[in-house]
Amino acid sequence: MFYRGKFADGGDGREMAAKRQRLADQGSSFYGTSPGSSYMYNTSPYGYVSQPPPFPVVRLRGLPFDCTEADVAEFFHGLDIVDVLFIHKGGKFSGEAFCVLSYPLQVDFALQKNRQNMGRRYVEVFRSKRQEYYKAIANEVSEARGGSPRRSGPRAKSYDDGKDSAEHTGVLRLRGLPFSAGKDDIVEFFKDFVLSEDSIHITMNSEGRPTGEAYVEF
């Protein structure tokens, strides 16, 4: 049901997970100076004082149906990718994805790749928002359940970019899980919370093997 990633580091996505961890360890979050060879993109002109910077995410459309995270990383060569979320409809990859970058300035560089080719297909790149990315994560759970994600109560609201209302979905996305991890291991990991196994969705590739990702509904 979920997209099968063919990663350049052997198929488990550990290289990109390690990169995300390095970004976190160095305190860059989404808004600081990120490490790596892409220093040319790292000088931010934004002087965010009165409000937080916009969430650095773009949406891609027209991706090849055998596209991987490694392909997206190559397409955005020189930019620091924090996350790639492939969108599925009816259990199949839709050719769309969200790409979260290390901080807002890199969105402008990503948009310069609009209508450039990935293989034989040209890819459209759009500016996106935090709530659209969160909603897409919730929809992936809906794909796994064959219906809408459950909600235990009213959705809390926060604000993104000072104006846009963003809704919390109640869904947590986990990455970098051991391939041997089961639902009972995830329940144990979140033992301080009330969590049932039927609210956990471990993603599998087309060969029925764990991808190292899961969605958890709270």
N, C-alpha and C. Protein backbone atom coordinates (compact mmCIF):
# COMPACT_ATOMS: atom_id res chain seq x y z
N MET A 1 0.82 -1.20 0.00
CA MET A 1 0.00 0.00 0.00
C MET A 1 0.86 1.25 0.00
N PHE A 2 1.97 1.21 0.73
CA PHE A 2 2.80 2.39 0.81
C PHE A 2 3.93 2.32 -0.20
N TYR A 3 4.46 3.47 -0.52
CA TYR A 3 5.49 3.62 -1.53
C TYR A 3 6.77 2.90 -1.13
N ARG A 4 7.36 2.18 -2.03
CA ARG A 4 8.59 1.44 -1.77
C ARG A 4 9.79 2.31 -2.11
N GLY A 5 10.57 2.71 -1.11
CA GLY A 5 11.72 3.57 -1.34
C GLY A 5 12.95 2.76 -1.69
N LYS A 6 13.71 3.19 -2.70
CA LYS A 6 14.97 2.56 -3.07
C LYS A 6 16.09 3.55 -2.77
N PHE A 7 16.58 3.50 -1.53
CA PHE A 7 17.52 4.51 -1.09
C PHE A 7 18.93 4.19 -1.57
N ALA A 8 19.68 5.28 -1.76
CA ALA A 8 21.04 5.14 -2.26
C ALA A 8 21.95 4.48 -1.23
N ASP A 9 21.53 4.50 0.06
CA ASP A 9 22.40 3.95 1.09
C ASP A 9 22.05 2.51 1.43
N GLY A 10 21.39 1.81 0.53
CA GLY A 10 21.17 0.40 0.76
C GLY A 10 19.73 0.04 1.00
N GLY A 11 18.82 1.01 0.95
CA GLY A 11 17.41 0.68 0.99
C GLY A 11 16.72 0.95 2.30
N ASP A 12 17.44 1.44 3.34
CA ASP A 12 16.76 1.60 4.63
C ASP A 12 16.56 3.04 5.04
N GLY A 13 17.04 4.00 4.23
CA GLY A 13 16.81 5.41 4.53
C GLY A 13 17.62 5.93 5.68
N ARG A 14 18.60 5.16 6.15
CA ARG A 14 19.36 5.59 7.32
C ARG A 14 20.19 6.84 7.04
N GLU A 15 20.65 7.01 5.79
CA GLU A 15 21.48 8.17 5.46
C GLU A 15 20.71 9.45 5.68
N MET A 16 19.46 9.50 5.19
CA MET A 16 18.67 10.71 5.36
C MET A 16 18.26 10.89 6.82
N ALA A 17 17.99 9.78 7.51
CA ALA A 17 17.64 9.86 8.93
C ALA A 17 18.82 10.42 9.72
N ALA A 18 20.02 9.99 9.37
CA ALA A 18 21.21 10.50 10.06
C ALA A 18 21.38 11.99 9.80
N LYS A 19 21.05 12.43 8.58
CA LYS A 19 21.17 13.84 8.25
C LYS A 19 20.18 14.66 9.07
N ARG A 20 18.95 14.15 9.21
CA ARG A 20 17.96 14.84 10.04
C ARG A 20 18.46 14.94 11.47
N GLN A 21 19.10 13.84 11.98
CA GLN A 21 19.58 13.85 13.34
C GLN A 21 20.70 14.86 13.52
N ARG A 22 21.59 14.96 12.52
CA ARG A 22 22.67 15.95 12.61
C ARG A 22 22.11 17.36 12.68
N LEU A 23 21.06 17.62 11.89
CA LEU A 23 20.44 18.95 11.92
C LEU A 23 19.90 19.25 13.31
N ALA A 24 19.26 18.23 13.91
CA ALA A 24 18.69 18.42 15.24
C ALA A 24 19.79 18.59 16.28
N ASP A 25 20.83 17.75 16.20
CA ASP A 25 21.90 17.80 17.19
C ASP A 25 22.62 19.14 17.19
N GLN A 26 22.73 19.77 16.03
CA GLN A 26 23.45 21.04 15.96
C GLN A 26 22.53 22.23 16.21
N GLY A 27 21.30 21.92 16.62
CA GLY A 27 20.41 22.99 17.04
C GLY A 27 19.88 23.83 15.91
N SER A 28 19.91 23.32 14.68
CA SER A 28 19.50 24.15 13.57
C SER A 28 17.99 24.18 13.40
N SER A 29 17.31 23.17 13.93
CA SER A 29 15.86 23.05 13.76
C SER A 29 15.51 23.35 12.32
N PHE A 30 14.39 24.08 12.09
CA PHE A 30 14.04 24.48 10.73
C PHE A 30 14.59 25.86 10.41
N TYR A 31 15.13 26.53 11.41
CA TYR A 31 15.33 27.96 11.24
C TYR A 31 16.77 28.42 11.38
N GLY A 32 17.70 27.53 11.68
CA GLY A 32 19.08 27.96 11.89
C GLY A 32 19.93 27.68 10.67
N THR A 33 21.23 27.84 10.84
CA THR A 33 22.17 27.54 9.76
C THR A 33 22.43 26.05 9.74
N SER A 34 22.17 25.41 8.63
CA SER A 34 22.31 23.96 8.55
C SER A 34 23.71 23.59 8.09
N PRO A 35 24.19 22.41 8.52
CA PRO A 35 25.53 21.98 8.15
C PRO A 35 25.57 21.43 6.74
N GLY A 36 26.76 21.06 6.30
CA GLY A 36 26.87 20.39 5.00
C GLY A 36 27.52 21.29 3.97
N SER A 37 27.51 20.80 2.73
CA SER A 37 28.22 21.48 1.65
C SER A 37 27.41 22.60 1.02
N SER A 38 26.16 22.77 1.44
CA SER A 38 25.31 23.76 0.78
C SER A 38 25.37 25.11 1.48
N TYR A 39 26.56 25.49 1.92
CA TYR A 39 26.70 26.75 2.67
C TYR A 39 26.23 27.94 1.87
N MET A 40 26.24 27.83 0.55
CA MET A 40 25.84 28.96 -0.29
C MET A 40 24.38 29.34 -0.09
N TYR A 41 23.59 28.41 0.45
CA TYR A 41 22.18 28.67 0.65
C TYR A 41 21.87 29.07 2.09
N ASN A 42 22.90 29.14 2.94
CA ASN A 42 22.64 29.18 4.37
C ASN A 42 22.62 30.57 5.00
N THR A 43 22.79 31.60 4.22
CA THR A 43 22.72 32.94 4.78
C THR A 43 21.31 33.48 4.63
N SER A 44 20.60 33.52 5.74
CA SER A 44 19.20 33.91 5.68
C SER A 44 19.03 35.41 5.85
N PRO A 45 18.25 36.06 4.97
CA PRO A 45 18.03 37.50 5.08
C PRO A 45 16.92 37.84 6.06
N TYR A 46 16.23 36.80 6.54
CA TYR A 46 15.09 37.07 7.40
C TYR A 46 15.54 37.48 8.79
N GLY A 47 14.91 38.52 9.33
CA GLY A 47 15.24 38.95 10.68
C GLY A 47 14.05 38.73 11.58
N TYR A 48 13.54 37.51 11.65
CA TYR A 48 12.31 37.22 12.38
C TYR A 48 12.42 37.67 13.83
N VAL A 49 11.67 38.70 14.17
CA VAL A 49 11.70 39.22 15.53
C VAL A 49 10.34 39.09 16.18
N SER A 50 9.31 39.56 15.50
CA SER A 50 7.98 39.59 16.09
C SER A 50 7.18 38.33 15.85
N GLN A 51 7.58 37.49 14.89
CA GLN A 51 6.84 36.26 14.63
C GLN A 51 7.78 35.20 14.08
N PRO A 52 7.41 33.93 14.25
CA PRO A 52 8.28 32.87 13.76
C PRO A 52 8.30 32.84 12.24
N PRO A 53 9.35 32.28 11.65
CA PRO A 53 9.44 32.20 10.19
C PRO A 53 8.45 31.19 9.64
N PRO A 54 8.13 31.28 8.36
CA PRO A 54 7.20 30.32 7.75
C PRO A 54 7.80 28.92 7.74
N PHE A 55 6.94 27.93 7.76
CA PHE A 55 7.37 26.54 7.74
C PHE A 55 7.95 26.21 6.37
N PRO A 56 9.17 25.67 6.30
CA PRO A 56 9.85 25.49 5.01
C PRO A 56 9.45 24.20 4.28
N VAL A 57 8.34 24.21 3.58
CA VAL A 57 7.87 23.02 2.88
C VAL A 57 7.40 23.38 1.48
N VAL A 58 7.67 22.52 0.51
CA VAL A 58 7.17 22.68 -0.85
C VAL A 58 6.42 21.41 -1.24
N ARG A 59 5.56 21.54 -2.24
CA ARG A 59 4.83 20.39 -2.75
C ARG A 59 5.30 20.10 -4.18
N LEU A 60 5.50 18.84 -4.48
CA LEU A 60 5.95 18.41 -5.80
C LEU A 60 4.82 17.67 -6.50
N ARG A 61 4.70 17.89 -7.81
CA ARG A 61 3.69 17.19 -8.60
C ARG A 61 4.30 16.73 -9.91
N GLY A 62 3.88 15.54 -10.37
CA GLY A 62 4.40 15.00 -11.62
C GLY A 62 5.64 14.15 -11.45
N LEU A 63 5.87 13.64 -10.25
CA LEU A 63 7.03 12.80 -9.99
C LEU A 63 6.89 11.45 -10.70
N PRO A 64 8.00 10.85 -11.14
CA PRO A 64 7.93 9.49 -11.69
C PRO A 64 7.38 8.54 -10.66
N PHE A 65 6.66 7.52 -11.09
CA PHE A 65 6.01 6.63 -10.13
C PHE A 65 6.98 5.68 -9.44
N ASP A 66 8.23 5.63 -9.91
CA ASP A 66 9.25 4.86 -9.20
C ASP A 66 10.22 5.77 -8.46
N CYS A 67 9.78 7.00 -8.19
CA CYS A 67 10.62 8.00 -7.53
C CYS A 67 10.95 7.57 -6.10
N THR A 68 12.15 7.91 -5.65
CA THR A 68 12.59 7.62 -4.28
C THR A 68 13.02 8.91 -3.60
N GLU A 69 13.27 8.82 -2.30
CA GLU A 69 13.81 9.98 -1.57
C GLU A 69 15.15 10.39 -2.15
N ALA A 70 15.94 9.41 -2.56
CA ALA A 70 17.24 9.73 -3.14
C ALA A 70 17.08 10.54 -4.42
N ASP A 71 16.04 10.25 -5.21
CA ASP A 71 15.78 11.01 -6.44
C ASP A 71 15.40 12.45 -6.11
N VAL A 72 14.59 12.63 -5.07
CA VAL A 72 14.19 13.98 -4.66
C VAL A 72 15.41 14.75 -4.15
N ALA A 73 16.27 14.07 -3.38
CA ALA A 73 17.48 14.72 -2.87
C ALA A 73 18.39 15.15 -4.02
N GLU A 74 18.48 14.34 -5.06
CA GLU A 74 19.29 14.69 -6.22
C GLU A 74 18.66 15.84 -7.00
N PHE A 75 17.35 15.83 -7.11
CA PHE A 75 16.62 16.89 -7.81
C PHE A 75 16.88 18.24 -7.13
N PHE A 76 16.89 18.23 -5.79
CA PHE A 76 17.15 19.46 -5.01
C PHE A 76 18.61 19.48 -4.54
N HIS A 77 19.51 19.06 -5.38
CA HIS A 77 20.92 18.97 -5.01
C HIS A 77 21.42 20.31 -4.45
N GLY A 78 22.09 20.25 -3.29
CA GLY A 78 22.61 21.45 -2.66
C GLY A 78 21.72 21.98 -1.56
N LEU A 79 20.47 21.49 -1.49
CA LEU A 79 19.56 21.90 -0.43
C LEU A 79 19.50 20.81 0.64
N ASP A 80 19.21 21.21 1.86
CA ASP A 80 19.15 20.26 2.98
C ASP A 80 17.72 19.79 3.18
N ILE A 81 17.47 18.52 2.89
CA ILE A 81 16.13 17.95 2.99
C ILE A 81 15.94 17.31 4.36
N VAL A 82 14.91 17.73 5.06
CA VAL A 82 14.59 17.19 6.38
C VAL A 82 13.63 16.01 6.27
N ASP A 83 12.67 16.10 5.35
CA ASP A 83 11.69 15.02 5.22
C ASP A 83 11.10 15.03 3.82
N VAL A 84 10.73 13.84 3.32
CA VAL A 84 9.98 13.70 2.08
C VAL A 84 8.78 12.81 2.38
N LEU A 85 7.59 13.30 2.08
CA LEU A 85 6.36 12.54 2.30
C LEU A 85 5.70 12.29 0.95
N PHE A 86 5.68 11.04 0.51
CA PHE A 86 5.03 10.68 -0.74
C PHE A 86 3.54 10.48 -0.51
N ILE A 87 2.72 10.99 -1.43
CA ILE A 87 1.26 10.96 -1.28
C ILE A 87 0.68 9.76 -2.03
N HIS A 88 -0.23 9.08 -1.36
CA HIS A 88 -0.87 7.90 -1.95
C HIS A 88 -2.38 8.13 -2.06
N LYS A 89 -2.95 7.58 -3.11
CA LYS A 89 -4.40 7.61 -3.32
C LYS A 89 -4.83 6.24 -3.78
N GLY A 90 -5.77 5.65 -3.05
CA GLY A 90 -6.22 4.31 -3.40
C GLY A 90 -5.12 3.28 -3.27
N GLY A 91 -4.19 3.51 -2.37
CA GLY A 91 -3.10 2.57 -2.15
C GLY A 91 -1.96 2.69 -3.14
N LYS A 92 -2.01 3.67 -4.05
CA LYS A 92 -0.97 3.82 -5.06
C LYS A 92 -0.34 5.21 -4.96
N PHE A 93 0.94 5.28 -5.29
CA PHE A 93 1.64 6.56 -5.28
C PHE A 93 1.01 7.48 -6.33
N SER A 94 0.70 8.70 -5.93
CA SER A 94 -0.03 9.64 -6.79
C SER A 94 0.87 10.47 -7.69
N GLY A 95 2.18 10.40 -7.48
CA GLY A 95 3.09 11.26 -8.23
C GLY A 95 3.31 12.61 -7.56
N GLU A 96 2.76 12.76 -6.34
CA GLU A 96 2.91 14.00 -5.58
C GLU A 96 3.64 13.72 -4.28
N ALA A 97 4.29 14.76 -3.75
CA ALA A 97 5.02 14.61 -2.49
C ALA A 97 5.19 15.97 -1.83
N PHE A 98 5.42 15.96 -0.54
CA PHE A 98 5.82 17.16 0.20
C PHE A 98 7.28 17.00 0.58
N CYS A 99 8.01 18.10 0.49
CA CYS A 99 9.43 18.09 0.84
C CYS A 99 9.68 19.20 1.86
N VAL A 100 10.12 18.81 3.05
CA VAL A 100 10.44 19.77 4.10
C VAL A 100 11.93 20.07 4.05
N LEU A 101 12.27 21.35 4.01
CA LEU A 101 13.66 21.79 3.93
C LEU A 101 14.13 22.30 5.29
N SER A 102 15.41 22.62 5.37
CA SER A 102 15.98 22.93 6.68
C SER A 102 15.57 24.29 7.22
N TYR A 103 15.28 25.25 6.35
CA TYR A 103 14.78 26.54 6.83
C TYR A 103 14.20 27.32 5.65
N PRO A 104 13.46 28.40 5.92
CA PRO A 104 12.64 29.07 4.90
C PRO A 104 13.34 29.54 3.65
N LEU A 105 14.56 30.06 3.74
CA LEU A 105 15.23 30.60 2.56
C LEU A 105 15.39 29.54 1.47
N GLN A 106 15.56 28.30 1.86
CA GLN A 106 15.77 27.25 0.88
C GLN A 106 14.53 26.99 0.03
N VAL A 107 13.36 27.40 0.50
CA VAL A 107 12.14 27.26 -0.30
C VAL A 107 12.28 28.04 -1.60
N ASP A 108 12.86 29.23 -1.54
CA ASP A 108 13.02 30.06 -2.73
C ASP A 108 13.91 29.36 -3.77
N PHE A 109 14.95 28.69 -3.30
CA PHE A 109 15.82 27.95 -4.21
C PHE A 109 15.10 26.72 -4.78
N ALA A 110 14.29 26.07 -3.94
CA ALA A 110 13.55 24.89 -4.41
C ALA A 110 12.57 25.28 -5.51
N LEU A 111 11.95 26.44 -5.38
CA LEU A 111 10.97 26.89 -6.38
C LEU A 111 11.62 27.15 -7.74
N GLN A 112 12.91 27.39 -7.75
CA GLN A 112 13.62 27.59 -9.02
C GLN A 112 13.71 26.30 -9.83
N LYS A 113 13.41 25.17 -9.19
CA LYS A 113 13.43 23.87 -9.88
C LYS A 113 12.09 23.55 -10.54
N ASN A 114 11.13 24.46 -10.41
CA ASN A 114 9.81 24.23 -11.01
C ASN A 114 9.92 23.97 -12.51
N ARG A 115 9.26 22.90 -12.96
CA ARG A 115 9.20 22.48 -14.36
C ARG A 115 10.54 21.98 -14.92
N GLN A 116 11.45 21.64 -14.03
CA GLN A 116 12.67 20.98 -14.49
C GLN A 116 12.46 19.47 -14.47
N ASN A 117 13.25 18.76 -15.24
CA ASN A 117 13.03 17.33 -15.43
C ASN A 117 13.65 16.47 -14.33
N MET A 118 12.91 15.41 -14.01
CA MET A 118 13.42 14.31 -13.21
C MET A 118 13.22 13.08 -14.09
N GLY A 119 14.30 12.59 -14.65
CA GLY A 119 14.16 11.54 -15.66
C GLY A 119 13.50 12.12 -16.90
N ARG A 120 12.45 11.47 -17.36
CA ARG A 120 11.75 11.93 -18.56
C ARG A 120 10.56 12.82 -18.25
N ARG A 121 10.31 13.07 -16.98
CA ARG A 121 9.14 13.87 -16.61
C ARG A 121 9.57 15.20 -16.01
N TYR A 122 8.82 16.25 -16.34
CA TYR A 122 9.11 17.53 -15.68
C TYR A 122 8.28 17.59 -14.41
N VAL A 123 8.85 18.18 -13.40
CA VAL A 123 8.24 18.21 -12.07
C VAL A 123 7.83 19.64 -11.73
N GLU A 124 6.61 19.78 -11.24
CA GLU A 124 6.13 21.08 -10.78
C GLU A 124 6.42 21.23 -9.29
N VAL A 125 6.88 22.40 -8.90
CA VAL A 125 7.21 22.68 -7.51
C VAL A 125 6.38 23.88 -7.05
N PHE A 126 5.63 23.69 -5.96
CA PHE A 126 4.76 24.75 -5.45
C PHE A 126 5.14 25.09 -4.01
N ARG A 127 4.90 26.34 -3.65
CA ARG A 127 5.01 26.73 -2.25
C ARG A 127 3.86 26.08 -1.48
N SER A 128 4.12 25.60 -0.28
CA SER A 128 3.08 24.95 0.50
C SER A 128 3.08 25.48 1.92
N LYS A 129 2.27 24.88 2.78
CA LYS A 129 2.13 25.36 4.16
C LYS A 129 2.16 24.20 5.13
N ARG A 130 2.43 24.54 6.38
CA ARG A 130 2.51 23.53 7.44
C ARG A 130 1.25 22.68 7.52
N GLN A 131 0.08 23.34 7.50
CA GLN A 131 -1.16 22.58 7.69
C GLN A 131 -1.43 21.62 6.55
N GLU A 132 -0.98 21.96 5.34
CA GLU A 132 -1.16 21.05 4.20
C GLU A 132 -0.29 19.80 4.37
N TYR A 133 0.91 20.00 4.88
CA TYR A 133 1.81 18.87 5.14
C TYR A 133 1.24 17.98 6.24
N TYR A 134 0.74 18.60 7.31
CA TYR A 134 0.15 17.82 8.41
C TYR A 134 -1.08 17.05 7.94
N LYS A 135 -1.89 17.70 7.14
CA LYS A 135 -3.10 17.04 6.63
C LYS A 135 -2.73 15.84 5.77
N ALA A 136 -1.65 15.97 4.98
CA ALA A 136 -1.20 14.87 4.13
C ALA A 136 -0.77 13.67 4.99
N ILE A 137 -0.13 13.95 6.12
CA ILE A 137 0.27 12.86 7.03
C ILE A 137 -0.97 12.16 7.56
N ALA A 138 -1.98 12.93 7.95
CA ALA A 138 -3.23 12.34 8.43
C ALA A 138 -3.90 11.52 7.34
N ASN A 139 -3.83 11.99 6.11
CA ASN A 139 -4.44 11.25 4.99
C ASN A 139 -3.73 9.93 4.74
N GLU A 140 -2.42 9.88 5.01
CA GLU A 140 -1.70 8.61 4.86
C GLU A 140 -2.22 7.58 5.86
N VAL A 141 -2.58 8.03 7.04
CA VAL A 141 -3.21 7.13 8.02
C VAL A 141 -4.56 6.68 7.52
N SER A 142 -5.30 7.60 6.90
CA SER A 142 -6.60 7.25 6.32
C SER A 142 -6.43 6.17 5.25
N GLU A 143 -5.36 6.27 4.45
CA GLU A 143 -5.08 5.24 3.45
C GLU A 143 -4.84 3.89 4.13
N ALA A 144 -4.12 3.92 5.24
CA ALA A 144 -3.81 2.67 5.94
C ALA A 144 -5.05 2.04 6.57
N ARG A 145 -5.97 2.89 7.04
CA ARG A 145 -7.17 2.40 7.71
C ARG A 145 -8.30 2.11 6.74
N GLY A 146 -8.21 2.64 5.53
CA GLY A 146 -9.31 2.49 4.58
C GLY A 146 -10.46 3.42 4.87
N GLY A 147 -10.17 4.47 5.64
CA GLY A 147 -11.21 5.44 6.00
C GLY A 147 -10.56 6.64 6.65
N SER A 148 -11.33 7.41 7.38
CA SER A 148 -10.81 8.62 8.01
C SER A 148 -10.15 8.29 9.33
N PRO A 149 -9.06 8.98 9.67
CA PRO A 149 -8.43 8.78 10.98
C PRO A 149 -9.41 9.10 12.11
N ARG A 150 -9.31 8.33 13.19
CA ARG A 150 -10.19 8.60 14.33
C ARG A 150 -9.75 9.87 15.04
N ARG A 151 -10.69 10.52 15.67
CA ARG A 151 -10.35 11.69 16.47
C ARG A 151 -11.02 11.53 17.83
N SER A 152 -10.25 11.72 18.88
CA SER A 152 -10.76 11.52 20.23
C SER A 152 -11.38 12.78 20.80
N GLY A 153 -11.23 13.90 20.10
CA GLY A 153 -11.78 15.14 20.61
C GLY A 153 -11.65 16.24 19.60
N PRO A 154 -12.06 17.46 19.94
CA PRO A 154 -11.94 18.57 19.00
C PRO A 154 -10.49 18.87 18.70
N ARG A 155 -10.23 19.36 17.50
CA ARG A 155 -8.87 19.65 17.08
C ARG A 155 -8.43 21.02 17.58
N ALA A 156 -7.28 21.07 18.18
CA ALA A 156 -6.74 22.33 18.66
C ALA A 156 -6.19 23.12 17.49
N LYS A 157 -6.21 24.43 17.61
CA LYS A 157 -5.71 25.28 16.52
C LYS A 157 -4.50 26.08 16.98
N SER A 158 -3.60 26.28 16.07
CA SER A 158 -2.44 27.15 16.30
C SER A 158 -2.32 28.05 15.08
N TYR A 159 -1.26 28.84 15.03
CA TYR A 159 -1.13 29.76 13.91
C TYR A 159 0.23 29.64 13.26
N ASP A 160 0.23 29.63 11.93
CA ASP A 160 1.46 29.54 11.13
C ASP A 160 1.55 30.79 10.28
N ASP A 161 2.75 31.35 10.17
CA ASP A 161 2.99 32.57 9.39
C ASP A 161 2.23 33.77 9.94
N GLY A 162 1.79 33.69 11.22
CA GLY A 162 1.11 34.80 11.83
C GLY A 162 -0.35 34.92 11.43
N LYS A 163 -0.80 34.23 10.39
CA LYS A 163 -2.16 34.39 9.88
C LYS A 163 -2.88 33.07 9.66
N ASP A 164 -2.19 32.11 9.05
CA ASP A 164 -2.87 30.90 8.60
C ASP A 164 -3.16 29.95 9.75
N SER A 165 -4.40 29.52 9.84
CA SER A 165 -4.79 28.60 10.89
C SER A 165 -4.33 27.20 10.55
N ALA A 166 -3.65 26.54 11.49
CA ALA A 166 -3.17 25.17 11.28
C ALA A 166 -3.82 24.26 12.31
N GLU A 167 -4.34 23.13 11.87
CA GLU A 167 -5.01 22.21 12.76
C GLU A 167 -4.10 21.03 13.09
N HIS A 168 -4.04 20.70 14.38
CA HIS A 168 -3.29 19.52 14.78
C HIS A 168 -4.10 18.29 14.39
N THR A 169 -3.47 17.31 13.78
CA THR A 169 -4.18 16.14 13.29
C THR A 169 -4.28 15.03 14.32
N GLY A 170 -3.46 15.10 15.38
CA GLY A 170 -3.45 14.01 16.34
C GLY A 170 -2.68 12.80 15.86
N VAL A 171 -1.96 12.94 14.75
CA VAL A 171 -1.19 11.84 14.18
C VAL A 171 0.30 12.14 14.27
N LEU A 172 1.06 11.17 14.77
CA LEU A 172 2.51 11.30 14.86
C LEU A 172 3.15 10.36 13.86
N ARG A 173 4.10 10.88 13.08
CA ARG A 173 4.81 10.06 12.10
C ARG A 173 6.17 9.67 12.67
N LEU A 174 6.47 8.40 12.68
CA LEU A 174 7.74 7.90 13.19
C LEU A 174 8.61 7.44 12.03
N ARG A 175 9.90 7.77 12.09
CA ARG A 175 10.85 7.33 11.07
C ARG A 175 12.08 6.76 11.74
N GLY A 176 12.82 5.91 11.01
CA GLY A 176 14.05 5.34 11.55
C GLY A 176 13.82 4.22 12.54
N LEU A 177 12.64 3.58 12.47
CA LEU A 177 12.36 2.46 13.37
C LEU A 177 13.21 1.24 12.99
N PRO A 178 13.60 0.43 13.97
CA PRO A 178 14.23 -0.85 13.63
C PRO A 178 13.26 -1.68 12.79
N PHE A 179 13.77 -2.38 11.81
CA PHE A 179 12.88 -3.17 10.95
C PHE A 179 12.19 -4.29 11.72
N SER A 180 12.75 -4.65 12.88
CA SER A 180 12.15 -5.70 13.69
C SER A 180 11.08 -5.17 14.65
N ALA A 181 10.91 -3.85 14.71
CA ALA A 181 9.97 -3.26 15.67
C ALA A 181 8.54 -3.64 15.33
N GLY A 182 7.78 -4.02 16.35
CA GLY A 182 6.37 -4.34 16.19
C GLY A 182 5.51 -3.33 16.93
N LYS A 183 4.20 -3.51 16.84
CA LYS A 183 3.29 -2.58 17.51
C LYS A 183 3.50 -2.58 19.02
N ASP A 184 3.81 -3.76 19.59
CA ASP A 184 4.03 -3.83 21.04
C ASP A 184 5.25 -3.01 21.46
N ASP A 185 6.27 -2.94 20.59
CA ASP A 185 7.45 -2.13 20.90
C ASP A 185 7.11 -0.65 20.91
N ILE A 186 6.23 -0.23 19.99
CA ILE A 186 5.83 1.17 19.93
C ILE A 186 4.97 1.53 21.13
N VAL A 187 4.09 0.61 21.53
CA VAL A 187 3.28 0.83 22.73
C VAL A 187 4.19 1.00 23.94
N GLU A 188 5.22 0.17 24.04
CA GLU A 188 6.16 0.26 25.15
C GLU A 188 6.93 1.57 25.11
N PHE A 189 7.30 2.02 23.90
CA PHE A 189 8.04 3.27 23.75
C PHE A 189 7.21 4.45 24.26
N PHE A 190 5.89 4.39 24.01
CA PHE A 190 4.98 5.45 24.47
C PHE A 190 4.19 5.00 25.70
N LYS A 191 4.86 4.30 26.60
CA LYS A 191 4.18 3.71 27.75
C LYS A 191 3.57 4.74 28.70
N ASP A 192 4.04 5.98 28.61
CA ASP A 192 3.49 7.04 29.47
C ASP A 192 2.18 7.60 28.92
N PHE A 193 1.76 7.09 27.75
CA PHE A 193 0.53 7.57 27.12
C PHE A 193 -0.44 6.41 26.94
N VAL A 194 -1.72 6.74 26.86
CA VAL A 194 -2.74 5.72 26.61
C VAL A 194 -2.76 5.45 25.11
N LEU A 195 -2.31 4.28 24.71
CA LEU A 195 -2.16 3.97 23.30
C LEU A 195 -2.52 2.50 23.07
N SER A 196 -3.36 2.25 22.07
CA SER A 196 -3.73 0.87 21.73
C SER A 196 -3.06 0.47 20.43
N GLU A 197 -2.88 -0.83 20.23
CA GLU A 197 -2.19 -1.31 19.04
C GLU A 197 -2.95 -1.00 17.75
N ASP A 198 -4.28 -0.90 17.82
CA ASP A 198 -5.03 -0.63 16.59
C ASP A 198 -4.92 0.83 16.15
N SER A 199 -4.25 1.67 16.96
CA SER A 199 -4.00 3.06 16.56
C SER A 199 -2.60 3.22 15.96
N ILE A 200 -1.90 2.10 15.78
CA ILE A 200 -0.54 2.11 15.24
C ILE A 200 -0.56 1.48 13.86
N HIS A 201 0.07 2.14 12.90
CA HIS A 201 0.10 1.64 11.52
C HIS A 201 1.55 1.61 11.05
N ILE A 202 2.12 0.42 10.99
CA ILE A 202 3.49 0.25 10.53
C ILE A 202 3.45 0.07 9.01
N THR A 203 4.21 0.89 8.29
CA THR A 203 4.14 0.86 6.83
C THR A 203 5.04 -0.24 6.27
N MET A 204 4.55 -0.84 5.19
CA MET A 204 5.27 -1.91 4.51
C MET A 204 5.52 -1.50 3.06
N ASN A 205 6.58 -2.03 2.47
CA ASN A 205 6.82 -1.78 1.06
C ASN A 205 6.05 -2.80 0.22
N SER A 206 6.20 -2.75 -1.08
CA SER A 206 5.43 -3.63 -1.97
C SER A 206 5.79 -5.09 -1.80
N GLU A 207 6.91 -5.37 -1.13
CA GLU A 207 7.32 -6.75 -0.89
C GLU A 207 6.87 -7.23 0.48
N GLY A 208 6.10 -6.38 1.19
CA GLY A 208 5.59 -6.76 2.50
C GLY A 208 6.59 -6.63 3.63
N ARG A 209 7.66 -5.88 3.40
CA ARG A 209 8.67 -5.68 4.43
C ARG A 209 8.54 -4.30 5.07
N PRO A 210 8.84 -4.18 6.37
CA PRO A 210 8.74 -2.89 7.05
C PRO A 210 9.66 -1.85 6.41
N THR A 211 9.17 -0.62 6.33
CA THR A 211 9.96 0.47 5.74
C THR A 211 10.76 1.24 6.79
N GLY A 212 10.51 0.96 8.08
CA GLY A 212 11.15 1.73 9.13
C GLY A 212 10.34 2.95 9.52
N GLU A 213 9.09 3.02 9.02
CA GLU A 213 8.20 4.12 9.35
C GLU A 213 6.89 3.60 9.94
N ALA A 214 6.23 4.46 10.68
CA ALA A 214 4.92 4.12 11.23
C ALA A 214 4.14 5.40 11.51
N TYR A 215 2.82 5.28 11.57
CA TYR A 215 1.94 6.38 11.97
C TYR A 215 1.22 5.97 13.23
N VAL A 216 1.14 6.90 14.19
CA VAL A 216 0.50 6.62 15.48
C VAL A 216 -0.57 7.66 15.72
N GLU A 217 -1.78 7.21 16.01
CA GLU A 217 -2.89 8.11 16.30
C GLU A 217 -3.04 8.29 17.81
N PHE A 218 -3.06 9.54 18.26
CA PHE A 218 -3.25 9.84 19.68
C PHE A 218 -4.60 10.51 19.89
